[in-house]
Amino acid sequence: MTDDQQDLVRYEVRDRKAYLTLSREDRLNAITDDLARQLAAAVERANDDPQVHVIIVHGAGRAFSSGYDLKQYAERGDLFQPPVWDPIKDYRLMKRNTDHFFSLWRSLKPTIAKVHGYAVAGGSDIALSCDLIMMADDAKIGYMPARVWGCPTTAMWVYRLGAERAKRMLLTGDTIDGQTAAAWGLVLQSVPEAELDGAVEALADRIAGVPVNQLIMQKLMINQAYDNMGLAGTQLLATLFDGIARHSPEGRWFQDFAAAHGFHEAVTWRDSGRWIPEGGGPVPAAREQTDEPAGGGDR
């Protein structure tokens, strides 16, 4: 069965709340084009349902989402990154996925991300596209491909953190835990993982008691302020830069290395700190310990 024939985003409604569950748990909910498309369709379904007041997005299994599926996108680079780069074709592909993620921000009804495990790389784009984010204390969020082979296309780091802390994250590709993310103002609140479900339900229930038209007007007013700051233009630049980053000399080398040695080895090399410029780099002698999610994506 192919991805487009599976329910990669499960949909359920209870007590005025729509639950959207990312459901590739065997791959730590790593993102494919089909998952992104189904996410947007589920958001649209919730907006069409008069019984729904608030939307909750979470991941099945051990993580929220570990990013794009590098088994598909890096190790099979011929499918995603052919030798001759068509920048407009690349832009259209990534812009489509960015728009799918950003359906959560553009949703007329409020959206809450419930983050446990990892929300990293493209998974952080999904979480940061929600109106409100609740994290487990020990969950990790970050955009590791900022080190090589990526730029966060939703551009929400700067809009949530401000310039200096956004640079702190994107100039290093580091991850931070839920407690740090809450202290920095990246997310609304961090709680022990055992308390995460209850904290999200309490917030969602409080929102669900407000008439839908009131919720929509407040959200549209706040979002308009971000649009006036140039959010759409920033995302256009970020999406173009994402394609350039994957087709720079270093980006091409990273993809070739992943295709030859596997994406886990490529990530180990990327995060080793032993960068050699102009697209070159050594083959790691042995796998090093990293905080990367095992078995999922990383872009």
C-alpha atoms as a PDB file:
ATOM      1  CA  MET A   1       0.000   0.000   0.000  1.00  0.00           C
ATOM      2  CA  THR A   2       1.405   3.396  -0.974  1.00  0.00           C
ATOM      3  CA  ASP A   3       1.411   6.467   1.283  1.00  0.00           C
ATOM      4  CA  ASP A   4      -1.385   8.135  -0.667  1.00  0.00           C
ATOM      5  CA  GLN A   5      -3.612   5.123   0.066  1.00  0.00           C
ATOM      6  CA  GLN A   6      -2.974   5.254   3.820  1.00  0.00           C
ATOM      7  CA  ASP A   7      -4.365   7.459   6.549  1.00  0.00           C
ATOM      8  CA  LEU A   8      -1.143   9.294   7.333  1.00  0.00           C
ATOM      9  CA  VAL A   9      -3.104  11.886   9.308  1.00  0.00           C
ATOM     10  CA  ARG A  10      -5.906  10.404  11.390  1.00  0.00           C
ATOM     11  CA  TYR A  11      -8.918  12.624  12.069  1.00  0.00           C
ATOM     12  CA  GLU A  12     -11.213  12.487  15.081  1.00  0.00           C
ATOM     13  CA  VAL A  13     -13.659  14.926  16.722  1.00  0.00           C
ATOM     14  CA  ARG A  14     -14.620  14.969  20.407  1.00  0.00           C
ATOM     15  CA  ASP A  15     -16.150  17.716  22.519  1.00  0.00           C
ATOM     16  CA  ARG A  16     -15.679  20.534  19.964  1.00  0.00           C
ATOM     17  CA  LYS A  17     -12.040  19.495  19.404  1.00  0.00           C
ATOM     18  CA  ALA A  18     -10.593  18.008  16.213  1.00  0.00           C
ATOM     19  CA  TYR A  19      -7.584  15.729  16.767  1.00  0.00           C
ATOM     20  CA  LEU A  20      -5.148  15.444  13.855  1.00  0.00           C
ATOM     21  CA  THR A  21      -2.686  12.617  14.482  1.00  0.00           C
ATOM     22  CA  LEU A  22       0.445  12.247  12.342  1.00  0.00           C
ATOM     23  CA  SER A  23       0.527   8.501  11.776  1.00  0.00           C
ATOM     24  CA  ARG A  24       3.824   7.243  10.387  1.00  0.00           C
ATOM     25  CA  GLU A  25       5.013   6.151  13.802  1.00  0.00           C
ATOM     26  CA  ASP A  26       7.339   3.474  12.386  1.00  0.00           C
ATOM     27  CA  ARG A  27       9.298   6.394  10.851  1.00  0.00           C
ATOM     28  CA  LEU A  28       8.821   8.797  13.792  1.00  0.00           C
ATOM     29  CA  ASN A  29       6.154  10.538  11.672  1.00  0.00           C
ATOM     30  CA  ALA A  30       8.708  11.543   9.066  1.00  0.00           C
ATOM     31  CA  ILE A  31       7.196  13.804   6.409  1.00  0.00           C
ATOM     32  CA  THR A  32       6.329  12.783   2.870  1.00  0.00           C
ATOM     33  CA  ASP A  33       4.456  14.763   0.234  1.00  0.00           C
ATOM     34  CA  ASP A  34       1.380  12.636   0.955  1.00  0.00           C
ATOM     35  CA  LEU A  35       1.520  13.289   4.695  1.00  0.00           C
ATOM     36  CA  ALA A  36       1.781  17.043   4.102  1.00  0.00           C
ATOM     37  CA  ARG A  37      -1.153  16.930   1.695  1.00  0.00           C
ATOM     38  CA  GLN A  38      -3.301  14.891   4.083  1.00  0.00           C
ATOM     39  CA  LEU A  39      -2.479  17.295   6.923  1.00  0.00           C
ATOM     40  CA  ALA A  40      -3.822  20.242   4.926  1.00  0.00           C
ATOM     41  CA  ALA A  41      -6.922  18.251   3.960  1.00  0.00           C
ATOM     42  CA  ALA A  42      -7.581  17.432   7.614  1.00  0.00           C
ATOM     43  CA  VAL A  43      -7.260  21.111   8.583  1.00  0.00           C
ATOM     44  CA  GLU A  44      -9.758  21.995   5.876  1.00  0.00           C
ATOM     45  CA  ARG A  45     -12.119  19.284   7.101  1.00  0.00           C
ATOM     46  CA  ALA A  46     -11.995  20.676  10.634  1.00  0.00           C
ATOM     47  CA  ASN A  47     -12.692  24.185   9.376  1.00  0.00           C
ATOM     48  CA  ASP A  48     -15.731  22.915   7.479  1.00  0.00           C
ATOM     49  CA  ASP A  49     -17.123  21.144  10.558  1.00  0.00           C
ATOM     50  CA  PRO A  50     -19.420  23.448  12.598  1.00  0.00           C
ATOM     51  CA  GLN A  51     -18.921  21.202  15.644  1.00  0.00           C
ATOM     52  CA  VAL A  52     -15.188  21.956  15.787  1.00  0.00           C
ATOM     53  CA  HIS A  53     -13.909  25.001  17.693  1.00  0.00           C
ATOM     54  CA  VAL A  54     -10.208  24.110  18.069  1.00  0.00           C
ATOM     55  CA  ILE A  55      -7.727  21.788  16.337  1.00  0.00           C
ATOM     56  CA  ILE A  56      -5.062  19.714  18.142  1.00  0.00           C
ATOM     57  CA  VAL A  57      -2.114  18.305  16.162  1.00  0.00           C
ATOM     58  CA  HIS A  58       0.054  15.573  17.644  1.00  0.00           C
ATOM     59  CA  GLY A  59       2.170  12.610  16.619  1.00  0.00           C
ATOM     60  CA  ALA A  60       1.565   8.911  17.121  1.00  0.00           C
ATOM     61  CA  GLY A  61       4.209   6.841  18.855  1.00  0.00           C
ATOM     62  CA  ARG A  62       7.475   8.259  20.181  1.00  0.00           C
ATOM     63  CA  ALA A  63       7.613  11.667  18.472  1.00  0.00           C
ATOM     64  CA  PHE A  64       5.675  14.592  17.059  1.00  0.00           C
ATOM     65  CA  SER A  65       7.693  14.507  13.812  1.00  0.00           C
ATOM     66  CA  SER A  66      11.339  13.899  12.992  1.00  0.00           C
ATOM     67  CA  GLY A  67      11.323  15.943   9.762  1.00  0.00           C
ATOM     68  CA  TYR A  68      11.294  14.988   6.104  1.00  0.00           C
ATOM     69  CA  ASP A  69      11.936  11.324   5.422  1.00  0.00           C
ATOM     70  CA  LEU A  70      15.568  11.168   4.349  1.00  0.00           C
ATOM     71  CA  LYS A  71      15.208   7.557   3.292  1.00  0.00           C
ATOM     72  CA  GLN A  72      13.133   9.020   0.470  1.00  0.00           C
ATOM     73  CA  TYR A  73      14.662  12.451  -0.038  1.00  0.00           C
ATOM     74  CA  ALA A  74      18.393  11.991   0.646  1.00  0.00           C
ATOM     75  CA  GLU A  75      19.198   8.354  -0.024  1.00  0.00           C
ATOM     76  CA  ARG A  76      17.005   8.454  -3.142  1.00  0.00           C
ATOM     77  CA  GLY A  77      18.312  11.784  -4.340  1.00  0.00           C
ATOM     78  CA  ASP A  78      17.590  10.953  -7.973  1.00  0.00           C
ATOM     79  CA  LEU A  79      13.898  11.401  -7.126  1.00  0.00           C
ATOM     80  CA  PHE A  80      14.322  14.729  -5.353  1.00  0.00           C
ATOM     81  CA  GLN A  81      17.595  16.274  -6.481  1.00  0.00           C
ATOM     82  CA  PRO A  82      18.437  15.415 -10.095  1.00  0.00           C
ATOM     83  CA  PRO A  83      21.814  16.448 -11.557  1.00  0.00           C
ATOM     84  CA  VAL A  84      20.331  19.477 -13.359  1.00  0.00           C
ATOM     85  CA  TRP A  85      18.505  21.715 -10.892  1.00  0.00           C
ATOM     86  CA  ASP A  86      15.276  23.343 -12.023  1.00  0.00           C
ATOM     87  CA  PRO A  87      14.854  26.101  -9.388  1.00  0.00           C
ATOM     88  CA  ILE A  88      11.235  26.837 -10.288  1.00  0.00           C
ATOM     89  CA  LYS A  89      10.214  23.180 -10.148  1.00  0.00           C
ATOM     90  CA  ASP A  90      12.016  22.909  -6.804  1.00  0.00           C
ATOM     91  CA  TYR A  91      10.347  26.071  -5.521  1.00  0.00           C
ATOM     92  CA  ARG A  92       6.883  24.856  -6.517  1.00  0.00           C
ATOM     93  CA  LEU A  93       7.437  21.541  -4.737  1.00  0.00           C
ATOM     94  CA  MET A  94       8.663  23.093  -1.495  1.00  0.00           C
ATOM     95  CA  LYS A  95       6.162  25.957  -1.630  1.00  0.00           C
ATOM     96  CA  ARG A  96       3.345  23.411  -1.919  1.00  0.00           C
ATOM     97  CA  ASN A  97       4.532  21.601   1.217  1.00  0.00           C
ATOM     98  CA  THR A  98       5.072  24.901   3.041  1.00  0.00           C
ATOM     99  CA  ASP A  99       1.504  25.892   2.197  1.00  0.00           C
ATOM    100  CA  HIS A 100       0.283  22.525   3.482  1.00  0.00           C
ATOM    101  CA  PHE A 101       2.082  23.092   6.801  1.00  0.00           C
ATOM    102  CA  PHE A 102       0.902  26.679   6.945  1.00  0.00           C
ATOM    103  CA  SER A 103      -2.719  25.612   6.584  1.00  0.00           C
ATOM    104  CA  LEU A 104      -2.439  25.350  10.377  1.00  0.00           C
ATOM    105  CA  TRP A 105      -1.559  29.043  10.659  1.00  0.00           C
ATOM    106  CA  ARG A 106      -4.092  30.098   8.016  1.00  0.00           C
ATOM    107  CA  SER A 107      -6.799  27.897   9.533  1.00  0.00           C
ATOM    108  CA  LEU A 108      -9.671  30.084  10.654  1.00  0.00           C
ATOM    109  CA  LYS A 109      -9.985  27.947  13.777  1.00  0.00           C
ATOM    110  CA  PRO A 110      -7.213  27.929  16.407  1.00  0.00           C
ATOM    111  CA  THR A 111      -4.572  25.209  16.229  1.00  0.00           C
ATOM    112  CA  ILE A 112      -2.530  23.679  19.059  1.00  0.00           C
ATOM    113  CA  ALA A 113       0.595  21.552  18.603  1.00  0.00           C
ATOM    114  CA  LYS A 114       1.151  18.920  21.290  1.00  0.00           C
ATOM    115  CA  VAL A 115       4.854  18.074  21.092  1.00  0.00           C
ATOM    116  CA  HIS A 116       6.528  15.057  22.636  1.00  0.00           C
ATOM    117  CA  GLY A 117       9.734  13.314  21.635  1.00  0.00           C
ATOM    118  CA  TYR A 118      10.992  15.328  18.675  1.00  0.00           C
ATOM    119  CA  ALA A 119       9.699  18.204  16.548  1.00  0.00           C
ATOM    120  CA  VAL A 120      12.796  18.712  14.467  1.00  0.00           C
ATOM    121  CA  ALA A 121      13.757  19.826  10.975  1.00  0.00           C
ATOM    122  CA  GLY A 122      10.569  19.828   8.848  1.00  0.00           C
ATOM    123  CA  GLY A 123       8.701  18.610  11.930  1.00  0.00           C
ATOM    124  CA  SER A 124       9.520  21.920  13.610  1.00  0.00           C
ATOM    125  CA  ASP A 125       7.957  23.688  10.608  1.00  0.00           C
ATOM    126  CA  ILE A 126       4.683  21.868  11.312  1.00  0.00           C
ATOM    127  CA  ALA A 127       4.756  22.639  15.039  1.00  0.00           C
ATOM    128  CA  LEU A 128       5.711  26.287  14.549  1.00  0.00           C
ATOM    129  CA  SER A 129       2.863  26.736  12.063  1.00  0.00           C
ATOM    130  CA  CYS A 130       0.354  26.134  14.862  1.00  0.00           C
ATOM    131  CA  ASP A 131      -1.058  29.050  16.847  1.00  0.00           C
ATOM    132  CA  LEU A 132      -0.079  27.583  20.210  1.00  0.00           C
ATOM    133  CA  ILE A 133       2.563  24.994  21.106  1.00  0.00           C
ATOM    134  CA  MET A 134       2.673  22.852  24.239  1.00  0.00           C
ATOM    135  CA  MET A 135       5.794  20.741  24.778  1.00  0.00           C
ATOM    136  CA  ALA A 136       6.948  18.013  27.088  1.00  0.00           C
ATOM    137  CA  ASP A 137       9.887  19.153  29.206  1.00  0.00           C
ATOM    138  CA  ASP A 138      12.235  16.613  27.642  1.00  0.00           C
ATOM    139  CA  ALA A 139      11.005  16.984  24.047  1.00  0.00           C
ATOM    140  CA  LYS A 140      13.448  18.445  21.519  1.00  0.00           C
ATOM    141  CA  ILE A 141      12.844  21.105  18.874  1.00  0.00           C
ATOM    142  CA  GLY A 142      15.306  22.476  16.350  1.00  0.00           C
ATOM    143  CA  TYR A 143      16.279  22.750  12.693  1.00  0.00           C
ATOM    144  CA  MET A 144      19.480  20.711  12.281  1.00  0.00           C
ATOM    145  CA  PRO A 145      19.597  20.995   8.445  1.00  0.00           C
ATOM    146  CA  ALA A 146      20.568  24.651   8.941  1.00  0.00           C
ATOM    147  CA  ARG A 147      24.104  23.201   9.209  1.00  0.00           C
ATOM    148  CA  VAL A 148      23.889  21.966   5.612  1.00  0.00           C
ATOM    149  CA  TRP A 149      21.135  21.046   3.124  1.00  0.00           C
ATOM    150  CA  GLY A 150      18.258  23.190   4.270  1.00  0.00           C
ATOM    151  CA  CYS A 151      16.537  26.413   5.305  1.00  0.00           C
ATOM    152  CA  PRO A 152      13.240  26.389   7.279  1.00  0.00           C
ATOM    153  CA  THR A 153      10.696  27.308   4.644  1.00  0.00           C
ATOM    154  CA  THR A 154       7.980  28.535   7.021  1.00  0.00           C
ATOM    155  CA  ALA A 155      10.501  31.061   8.481  1.00  0.00           C
ATOM    156  CA  MET A 156       8.677  30.983  11.812  1.00  0.00           C
ATOM    157  CA  TRP A 157      11.792  30.911  13.987  1.00  0.00           C
ATOM    158  CA  VAL A 158      12.373  34.650  13.610  1.00  0.00           C
ATOM    159  CA  TYR A 159       8.701  35.543  14.044  1.00  0.00           C
ATOM    160  CA  ARG A 160       8.473  33.570  17.283  1.00  0.00           C
ATOM    161  CA  LEU A 161      11.930  34.195  18.766  1.00  0.00           C
ATOM    162  CA  GLY A 162      13.185  37.500  17.376  1.00  0.00           C
ATOM    163  CA  ALA A 163      16.407  37.967  15.444  1.00  0.00           C
ATOM    164  CA  GLU A 164      19.079  37.075  17.994  1.00  0.00           C
ATOM    165  CA  ARG A 165      17.678  33.799  19.273  1.00  0.00           C
ATOM    166  CA  ALA A 166      16.560  32.788  15.774  1.00  0.00           C
ATOM    167  CA  LYS A 167      20.176  33.273  14.708  1.00  0.00           C
ATOM    168  CA  ARG A 168      21.324  31.282  17.742  1.00  0.00           C
ATOM    169  CA  MET A 169      19.241  28.343  16.511  1.00  0.00           C
ATOM    170  CA  LEU A 170      19.816  28.587  12.762  1.00  0.00           C
ATOM    171  CA  LEU A 171      23.529  29.429  12.838  1.00  0.00           C
ATOM    172  CA  THR A 172      24.190  26.255  14.847  1.00  0.00           C
ATOM    173  CA  GLY A 173      21.422  23.806  13.955  1.00  0.00           C
ATOM    174  CA  ASP A 174      21.169  22.967  17.659  1.00  0.00           C
ATOM    175  CA  THR A 175      18.080  21.556  19.346  1.00  0.00           C
ATOM    176  CA  ILE A 176      16.619  22.768  22.636  1.00  0.00           C
ATOM    177  CA  ASP A 177      14.322  21.037  25.107  1.00  0.00           C
ATOM    178  CA  GLY A 178      10.790  22.041  26.006  1.00  0.00           C
ATOM    179  CA  GLN A 179      11.777  23.922  29.142  1.00  0.00           C
ATOM    180  CA  THR A 180      14.259  26.086  27.231  1.00  0.00           C
ATOM    181  CA  ALA A 181      11.779  26.620  24.380  1.00  0.00           C
ATOM    182  CA  ALA A 182       9.169  27.867  26.870  1.00  0.00           C
ATOM    183  CA  ALA A 183      11.676  30.110  28.666  1.00  0.00           C
ATOM    184  CA  TRP A 184      12.684  31.662  25.336  1.00  0.00           C
ATOM    185  CA  GLY A 185       9.061  32.207  24.279  1.00  0.00           C
ATOM    186  CA  LEU A 186       9.266  29.802  21.327  1.00  0.00           C
ATOM    187  CA  VAL A 187       6.389  27.754  22.759  1.00  0.00           C
ATOM    188  CA  LEU A 188       3.568  28.602  25.124  1.00  0.00           C
ATOM    189  CA  GLN A 189       4.298  26.103  27.897  1.00  0.00           C
ATOM    190  CA  SER A 190       6.402  23.092  28.818  1.00  0.00           C
ATOM    191  CA  VAL A 191       5.249  20.424  31.282  1.00  0.00           C
ATOM    192  CA  PRO A 192       6.406  16.935  32.297  1.00  0.00           C
ATOM    193  CA  GLU A 193       5.435  14.467  29.571  1.00  0.00           C
ATOM    194  CA  ALA A 194       3.032  12.672  31.908  1.00  0.00           C
ATOM    195  CA  GLU A 195       1.101  15.951  32.285  1.00  0.00           C
ATOM    196  CA  LEU A 196       1.140  16.981  28.601  1.00  0.00           C
ATOM    197  CA  ASP A 197      -2.185  15.441  27.591  1.00  0.00           C
ATOM    198  CA  GLY A 198      -4.002  17.040  30.531  1.00  0.00           C
ATOM    199  CA  ALA A 199      -2.435  20.461  29.974  1.00  0.00           C
ATOM    200  CA  VAL A 200      -3.372  20.469  26.289  1.00  0.00           C
ATOM    201  CA  GLU A 201      -6.912  19.301  27.006  1.00  0.00           C
ATOM    202  CA  ALA A 202      -7.401  22.022  29.620  1.00  0.00           C
ATOM    203  CA  LEU A 203      -6.257  24.731  27.207  1.00  0.00           C
ATOM    204  CA  ALA A 204      -8.298  23.323  24.313  1.00  0.00           C
ATOM    205  CA  ASP A 205     -11.415  23.048  26.483  1.00  0.00           C
ATOM    206  CA  ARG A 206     -11.035  26.682  27.534  1.00  0.00           C
ATOM    207  CA  ILE A 207     -10.790  27.770  23.888  1.00  0.00           C
ATOM    208  CA  ALA A 208     -13.630  25.463  22.840  1.00  0.00           C
ATOM    209  CA  GLY A 209     -15.997  27.360  25.137  1.00  0.00           C
ATOM    210  CA  VAL A 210     -15.691  30.499  22.997  1.00  0.00           C
ATOM    211  CA  PRO A 211     -18.020  31.002  19.988  1.00  0.00           C
ATOM    212  CA  VAL A 212     -16.305  30.116  16.705  1.00  0.00           C
ATOM    213  CA  ASN A 213     -16.870  33.558  15.184  1.00  0.00           C
ATOM    214  CA  GLN A 214     -15.112  35.196  18.140  1.00  0.00           C
ATOM    215  CA  LEU A 215     -12.162  32.822  17.833  1.00  0.00           C
ATOM    216  CA  ILE A 216     -11.833  33.516  14.124  1.00  0.00           C
ATOM    217  CA  MET A 217     -11.938  37.298  14.483  1.00  0.00           C
ATOM    218  CA  GLN A 218      -9.264  37.335  17.192  1.00  0.00           C
ATOM    219  CA  LYS A 219      -7.003  35.021  15.206  1.00  0.00           C
ATOM    220  CA  LEU A 220      -7.384  36.953  11.946  1.00  0.00           C
ATOM    221  CA  MET A 221      -6.566  40.219  13.700  1.00  0.00           C
ATOM    222  CA  ILE A 222      -3.370  38.833  15.270  1.00  0.00           C
ATOM    223  CA  ASN A 223      -2.234  37.068  12.100  1.00  0.00           C
ATOM    224  CA  GLN A 224      -2.721  40.251  10.103  1.00  0.00           C
ATOM    225  CA  ALA A 225      -0.014  41.905  12.206  1.00  0.00           C
ATOM    226  CA  TYR A 226       2.445  39.197  11.093  1.00  0.00           C
ATOM    227  CA  ASP A 227       1.378  39.625   7.473  1.00  0.00           C
ATOM    228  CA  ASN A 228       2.082  43.343   7.803  1.00  0.00           C
ATOM    229  CA  MET A 229       5.596  42.471   9.027  1.00  0.00           C
ATOM    230  CA  GLY A 230       6.280  40.758   5.689  1.00  0.00           C
ATOM    231  CA  LEU A 231       5.719  37.105   6.587  1.00  0.00           C
ATOM    232  CA  ALA A 232       4.837  36.073   3.013  1.00  0.00           C
ATOM    233  CA  GLY A 233       7.964  37.710   1.584  1.00  0.00           C
ATOM    234  CA  THR A 234      10.168  36.094   4.202  1.00  0.00           C
ATOM    235  CA  GLN A 235       8.718  32.677   3.388  1.00  0.00           C
ATOM    236  CA  LEU A 236       9.305  33.200  -0.337  1.00  0.00           C
ATOM    237  CA  LEU A 237      12.981  33.945   0.323  1.00  0.00           C
ATOM    238  CA  ALA A 238      13.304  31.034   2.776  1.00  0.00           C
ATOM    239  CA  THR A 239      11.775  28.575   0.315  1.00  0.00           C
ATOM    240  CA  LEU A 240      14.127  29.707  -2.466  1.00  0.00           C
ATOM    241  CA  PHE A 241      17.113  29.491  -0.101  1.00  0.00           C
ATOM    242  CA  ASP A 242      16.077  25.967   0.894  1.00  0.00           C
ATOM    243  CA  GLY A 243      16.461  24.872  -2.720  1.00  0.00           C
ATOM    244  CA  ILE A 244      19.776  26.707  -3.094  1.00  0.00           C
ATOM    245  CA  ALA A 245      21.096  25.133   0.127  1.00  0.00           C
ATOM    246  CA  ARG A 246      20.391  21.653  -1.223  1.00  0.00           C
ATOM    247  CA  HIS A 247      22.151  22.453  -4.521  1.00  0.00           C
ATOM    248  CA  SER A 248      25.206  24.299  -3.220  1.00  0.00           C
ATOM    249  CA  PRO A 249      28.530  22.401  -3.504  1.00  0.00           C
ATOM    250  CA  GLU A 250      28.192  21.377   0.139  1.00  0.00           C
ATOM    251  CA  GLY A 251      24.556  20.436  -0.285  1.00  0.00           C
ATOM    252  CA  ARG A 252      25.325  18.274  -3.329  1.00  0.00           C
ATOM    253  CA  TRP A 253      28.141  16.568  -1.428  1.00  0.00           C
ATOM    254  CA  PHE A 254      25.852  15.857   1.514  1.00  0.00           C
ATOM    255  CA  GLN A 255      23.219  14.252  -0.685  1.00  0.00           C
ATOM    256  CA  ASP A 256      25.810  12.181  -2.578  1.00  0.00           C
ATOM    257  CA  PHE A 257      27.277  11.034   0.738  1.00  0.00           C
ATOM    258  CA  ALA A 258      23.829  10.099   2.072  1.00  0.00           C
ATOM    259  CA  ALA A 259      23.066   8.135  -1.094  1.00  0.00           C
ATOM    260  CA  ALA A 260      26.355   6.232  -0.799  1.00  0.00           C
ATOM    261  CA  HIS A 261      26.593   5.704   2.966  1.00  0.00           C
ATOM    262  CA  GLY A 262      23.087   6.261   4.363  1.00  0.00           C
ATOM    263  CA  PHE A 263      21.562   9.331   5.968  1.00  0.00           C
ATOM    264  CA  HIS A 264      22.576   8.391   9.525  1.00  0.00           C
ATOM    265  CA  GLU A 265      26.238   8.476   8.519  1.00  0.00           C
ATOM    266  CA  ALA A 266      25.665  11.737   6.619  1.00  0.00           C
ATOM    267  CA  VAL A 267      24.067  13.315   9.701  1.00  0.00           C
ATOM    268  CA  THR A 268      26.914  12.063  11.913  1.00  0.00           C
ATOM    269  CA  TRP A 269      29.433  13.685   9.575  1.00  0.00           C
ATOM    270  CA  ARG A 270      27.407  16.895   9.304  1.00  0.00           C
ATOM    271  CA  ASP A 271      27.271  17.374  13.064  1.00  0.00           C
ATOM    272  CA  SER A 272      30.857  16.318  13.774  1.00  0.00           C
ATOM    273  CA  GLY A 273      32.187  19.875  13.478  1.00  0.00           C
ATOM    274  CA  ARG A 274      34.885  18.779  11.000  1.00  0.00           C
ATOM    275  CA  TRP A 275      33.590  20.704   8.028  1.00  0.00           C
ATOM    276  CA  ILE A 276      35.827  20.899   4.952  1.00  0.00           C
ATOM    277  CA  PRO A 277      34.707  23.702   2.610  1.00  0.00           C
ATOM    278  CA  GLU A 278      33.931  23.566  -1.107  1.00  0.00           C
ATOM    279  CA  GLY A 279      31.816  20.474  -0.916  1.00  0.00           C
ATOM    280  CA  GLY A 280      34.336  17.998   0.507  1.00  0.00           C
ATOM    281  CA  GLY A 281      34.505  16.052   3.714  1.00  0.00           C
ATOM    282  CA  PRO A 282      35.967  12.925   5.252  1.00  0.00           C
ATOM    283  CA  VAL A 283      34.172   9.634   5.625  1.00  0.00           C
ATOM    284  CA  PRO A 284      33.551   9.196   9.383  1.00  0.00           C
ATOM    285  CA  ALA A 285      35.750   6.456  10.808  1.00  0.00           C
ATOM    286  CA  ALA A 286      33.047   5.457  13.290  1.00  0.00           C
ATOM    287  CA  ARG A 287      29.516   6.502  14.140  1.00  0.00           C
ATOM    288  CA  GLU A 288      29.369   9.203  16.795  1.00  0.00           C
ATOM    289  CA  GLN A 289      26.596   9.776  19.293  1.00  0.00           C
ATOM    290  CA  THR A 290      24.171  12.546  18.320  1.00  0.00           C
ATOM    291  CA  ASP A 291      20.756  13.632  19.498  1.00  0.00           C
ATOM    292  CA  GLU A 292      19.231  12.844  16.112  1.00  0.00           C
ATOM    293  CA  PRO A 293      16.046  10.770  16.132  1.00  0.00           C
ATOM    294  CA  ALA A 294      16.806   7.231  15.074  1.00  0.00           C
ATOM    295  CA  GLY A 295      14.842   5.871  12.147  1.00  0.00           C
ATOM    296  CA  GLY A 296      12.986   9.006  11.149  1.00  0.00           C
ATOM    297  CA  GLY A 297      13.683  12.034   9.037  1.00  0.00           C
ATOM    298  CA  ASP A 298      15.988  14.978   9.503  1.00  0.00           C
ATOM    299  CA  ARG A 299      15.073  17.783   7.132  1.00  0.00           C
END
